């Protein structure tokens, strides 16, 4: 067993039936701790390591995860909570200007159990600035090394105040910051005041 997630070295020894021929080799393996998210979890308890103690919000599991952990998300609509993390766009480097429903701020993998038809992350329009004000919510922000797989991202809006007082924001559906990655995701009905809508 391993005490931590990440890449670990293992020593592998293989012997034939006679025990005389032996092959020994050191290999690197990726070790991860699975965390679980279920919006109807009866008993959310850190470290969210079983379906019976799953987190109700994806962001709670991310906060409890270590780099290289995998967060399994079951069917549901994830449309509550938000966090200011990352950047609003490529130019302003203003981390406090855009809300995200889910922010993968460390190198973890968040994956739905049954795919985008069953699991949605829903952003929100703000009441001001045509929906792109400081309370607009993009669906997801991904930092370098973070991965998101198997979700529908919908109704995400990216906006907020830039460094010169302008309204700015990229990635209404997903903002991939220097190496974040999404796969098997559907992005629909998302918008951004900046250059990139999804």
Protein backbone atom coordinates (compact mmCIF):
# COMPACT_ATOMS: atom_id res chain seq x y z
CA UNK A 1 0.00 0.00 0.00
CA UNK A 2 1.02 3.62 -0.50
CA UNK A 3 0.61 6.53 1.89
CA UNK A 4 0.15 9.17 -0.79
CA UNK A 5 -1.18 9.72 -4.31
CA UNK A 6 1.02 10.41 -7.31
CA UNK A 7 3.72 8.52 -9.16
CA UNK A 8 5.42 5.84 -7.05
CA UNK A 9 8.18 3.37 -7.78
CA UNK A 10 7.43 -0.32 -7.36
CA UNK A 11 9.77 -3.28 -7.40
CA UNK A 12 8.31 -6.15 -9.42
CA UNK A 13 9.73 -9.67 -9.21
CA UNK A 14 8.49 -12.45 -11.47
CA UNK A 15 9.57 -16.12 -11.13
CA UNK A 16 8.74 -19.11 -13.25
CA UNK A 17 7.23 -22.30 -11.82
CA UNK A 18 10.65 -23.74 -10.97
CA UNK A 19 11.71 -20.62 -9.08
CA UNK A 20 15.05 -20.62 -10.87
CA UNK A 21 14.36 -17.99 -13.54
CA UNK A 22 13.68 -14.59 -12.07
CA UNK A 23 13.05 -11.19 -13.61
CA UNK A 24 13.15 -8.14 -11.36
CA UNK A 25 12.42 -4.60 -12.45
CA UNK A 26 11.58 -1.19 -10.99
CA UNK A 27 8.62 0.55 -12.59
CA UNK A 28 6.74 3.78 -11.98
CA UNK A 29 3.00 3.51 -11.39
CA UNK A 30 0.36 6.16 -10.87
CA UNK A 31 -1.31 5.75 -7.51
CA UNK A 32 -4.50 7.64 -6.86
CA UNK A 33 -7.04 7.86 -4.12
CA UNK A 34 -10.63 7.81 -5.36
CA UNK A 35 -13.02 10.42 -3.97
CA UNK A 36 -16.79 10.40 -4.60
CA UNK A 37 -19.50 13.01 -5.27
CA UNK A 38 -23.25 12.42 -5.13
CA UNK A 39 -25.69 15.36 -4.87
CA UNK A 40 -27.99 13.16 -2.75
CA UNK A 41 -25.27 11.82 -0.43
CA UNK A 42 -26.82 10.84 2.92
CA UNK A 43 -23.65 11.41 4.98
CA UNK A 44 -20.98 13.60 3.35
CA UNK A 45 -17.81 12.97 5.34
CA UNK A 46 -14.23 13.93 4.51
CA UNK A 47 -12.26 12.28 2.87
CA UNK A 48 -15.29 11.27 0.71
CA UNK A 49 -13.70 7.88 0.04
CA UNK A 50 -16.92 5.87 -0.50
CA UNK A 51 -20.35 6.41 -2.04
CA UNK A 52 -21.86 6.28 1.45
CA UNK A 53 -19.73 9.26 2.54
CA UNK A 54 -19.60 11.10 -0.81
CA UNK A 55 -19.43 14.87 -1.01
CA UNK A 56 -22.57 16.64 -2.25
CA UNK A 57 -20.64 19.31 -4.17
CA UNK A 58 -17.77 18.71 -6.60
CA UNK A 59 -15.83 21.63 -5.10
CA UNK A 60 -15.85 20.02 -1.65
CA UNK A 61 -14.18 16.88 -3.05
CA UNK A 62 -11.60 18.99 -4.91
CA UNK A 63 -10.73 20.75 -1.66
CA UNK A 64 -10.13 17.37 0.01
CA UNK A 65 -8.13 15.91 -2.90
CA UNK A 66 -4.38 15.64 -3.32
CA UNK A 67 -2.61 15.95 -6.68
CA UNK A 68 -3.21 12.87 -8.89
CA UNK A 69 -6.42 11.89 -7.06
CA UNK A 70 -9.47 10.93 -9.11
CA UNK A 71 -12.89 12.31 -8.17
CA UNK A 72 -15.83 10.21 -9.35
CA UNK A 73 -19.07 12.16 -9.82
CA UNK A 74 -22.41 10.40 -10.09
CA UNK A 75 -25.50 11.50 -12.03
CA UNK A 76 -26.98 14.86 -11.21
CA UNK A 77 -27.18 18.59 -11.86
CA UNK A 78 -24.45 20.55 -10.11
CA UNK A 79 -25.71 24.14 -10.00
CA UNK A 80 -24.95 25.46 -6.51
CA UNK A 81 -21.95 27.13 -4.95
CA UNK A 82 -19.18 29.07 -6.66
CA UNK A 83 -15.59 30.01 -6.05
CA UNK A 84 -13.29 32.80 -7.21
CA UNK A 85 -10.21 31.03 -8.47
CA UNK A 86 -7.83 31.24 -11.38
CA UNK A 87 -8.08 34.07 -13.87
CA UNK A 88 -10.86 35.69 -15.82
CA UNK A 89 -8.84 35.92 -19.05
CA UNK A 90 -5.39 35.58 -20.59
CA UNK A 91 -4.45 39.23 -20.24
CA UNK A 92 -5.57 40.77 -16.98
CA UNK A 93 -4.19 38.08 -14.64
CA UNK A 94 -6.92 39.26 -12.26
CA UNK A 95 -7.87 36.17 -10.21
CA UNK A 96 -10.70 37.80 -8.28
CA UNK A 97 -12.76 38.88 -11.26
CA UNK A 98 -14.61 35.71 -12.33
CA UNK A 99 -16.62 33.11 -10.42
CA UNK A 100 -16.57 29.42 -11.37
CA UNK A 101 -19.12 26.79 -10.34
CA UNK A 102 -16.24 24.31 -10.11
CA UNK A 103 -12.55 25.23 -9.93
CA UNK A 104 -9.98 22.50 -10.40
CA UNK A 105 -7.10 24.40 -8.81
CA UNK A 106 -4.86 21.36 -8.34
CA UNK A 107 -3.81 18.54 -10.66
CA UNK A 108 -6.74 16.18 -10.07
CA UNK A 109 -9.03 14.32 -12.46
CA UNK A 110 -12.80 14.85 -12.09
CA UNK A 111 -14.82 12.28 -14.05
CA UNK A 112 -18.51 11.50 -14.26
CA UNK A 113 -19.58 7.92 -13.78
CA UNK A 114 -22.11 7.80 -16.65
CA UNK A 115 -21.10 10.61 -18.99
CA UNK A 116 -22.44 13.97 -20.18
CA UNK A 117 -26.02 12.80 -20.76
CA UNK A 118 -26.41 12.24 -17.02
CA UNK A 119 -24.11 14.72 -15.33
CA UNK A 120 -24.29 18.51 -15.75
CA UNK A 121 -22.42 21.49 -14.36
CA UNK A 122 -24.56 24.62 -14.69
CA UNK A 123 -23.18 28.17 -14.54
CA UNK A 124 -25.23 31.37 -14.14
CA UNK A 125 -25.84 34.80 -15.65
CA UNK A 126 -25.40 37.83 -13.46
CA UNK A 127 -28.26 40.28 -12.99
CA UNK A 128 -26.15 43.15 -14.38
CA UNK A 129 -23.95 43.93 -17.40
CA UNK A 130 -26.07 41.87 -19.78
CA UNK A 131 -25.40 38.71 -17.80
CA UNK A 132 -21.63 39.26 -17.71
CA UNK A 133 -21.28 41.21 -14.46
CA UNK A 134 -19.16 40.35 -11.46
CA UNK A 135 -21.63 37.70 -10.25
CA UNK A 136 -21.71 35.71 -13.49
CA UNK A 137 -20.58 32.11 -13.04
CA UNK A 138 -18.60 30.11 -15.60
CA UNK A 139 -19.04 26.34 -15.40
CA UNK A 140 -15.48 25.25 -14.72
CA UNK A 141 -11.93 26.56 -14.35
CA UNK A 142 -9.05 24.12 -14.84
CA UNK A 143 -5.49 24.84 -13.69
CA UNK A 144 -2.42 23.20 -15.19
CA UNK A 145 -2.56 19.41 -14.87
CA UNK A 146 -6.28 19.30 -14.02
CA UNK A 147 -8.63 17.09 -16.05
CA UNK A 148 -12.42 17.05 -16.46
CA UNK A 149 -14.18 14.19 -18.28
CA UNK A 150 -17.77 13.27 -19.08
CA UNK A 151 -19.87 16.34 -18.27
CA UNK A 152 -22.34 18.66 -19.97
CA UNK A 153 -21.33 22.27 -19.25
CA UNK A 154 -24.26 24.61 -19.71
CA UNK A 155 -25.42 28.18 -19.00
CA UNK A 156 -21.90 29.32 -18.09
CA UNK A 157 -21.17 33.05 -18.29
CA UNK A 158 -17.73 34.60 -17.84
CA UNK A 159 -17.47 38.26 -17.00
CA UNK A 160 -16.23 40.67 -14.40
CA UNK A 161 -14.14 43.77 -13.94
CA UNK A 162 -10.73 43.90 -15.63
CA UNK A 163 -7.66 45.76 -14.35
CA UNK A 164 -8.69 49.00 -16.08
CA UNK A 165 -12.36 48.87 -15.07
CA UNK A 166 -13.47 47.17 -18.30
CA UNK A 167 -15.73 44.13 -18.34
CA UNK A 168 -13.70 41.05 -19.23
CA UNK A 169 -13.84 37.27 -19.02
CA UNK A 170 -13.09 34.23 -21.17
CA UNK A 171 -14.35 30.68 -21.06
CA UNK A 172 -18.01 30.71 -20.08
CA UNK A 173 -18.15 26.92 -20.28
CA UNK A 174 -14.56 26.08 -19.40
CA UNK A 175 -11.40 28.09 -18.91
CA UNK A 176 -8.31 25.92 -19.41
CA UNK A 177 -5.35 27.65 -17.83
CA UNK A 178 -1.96 26.54 -19.17
CA UNK A 179 -2.52 22.83 -19.48
CA UNK A 180 -5.94 22.02 -18.03
CA UNK A 181 -7.78 19.46 -20.17
CA UNK A 182 -11.40 18.44 -20.84
CA UNK A 183 -12.55 15.31 -22.67
CA UNK A 184 -15.90 13.72 -23.50
CA UNK A 185 -17.69 16.94 -22.51
CA UNK A 186 -20.57 18.77 -24.18
CA UNK A 187 -20.48 22.58 -23.97
CA UNK A 188 -23.83 24.21 -24.70
CA UNK A 189 -25.40 27.68 -24.20
CA UNK A 190 -22.28 29.24 -22.65
CA UNK A 191 -20.91 32.72 -23.37
CA UNK A 192 -18.10 35.05 -22.39
CA UNK A 193 -17.62 38.78 -22.72
CA UNK A 194 -14.00 38.19 -23.82
CA UNK A 195 -12.68 36.35 -26.84
CA UNK A 196 -13.55 32.75 -25.99
CA UNK A 197 -17.08 31.62 -25.20
CA UNK A 198 -16.40 28.03 -24.32
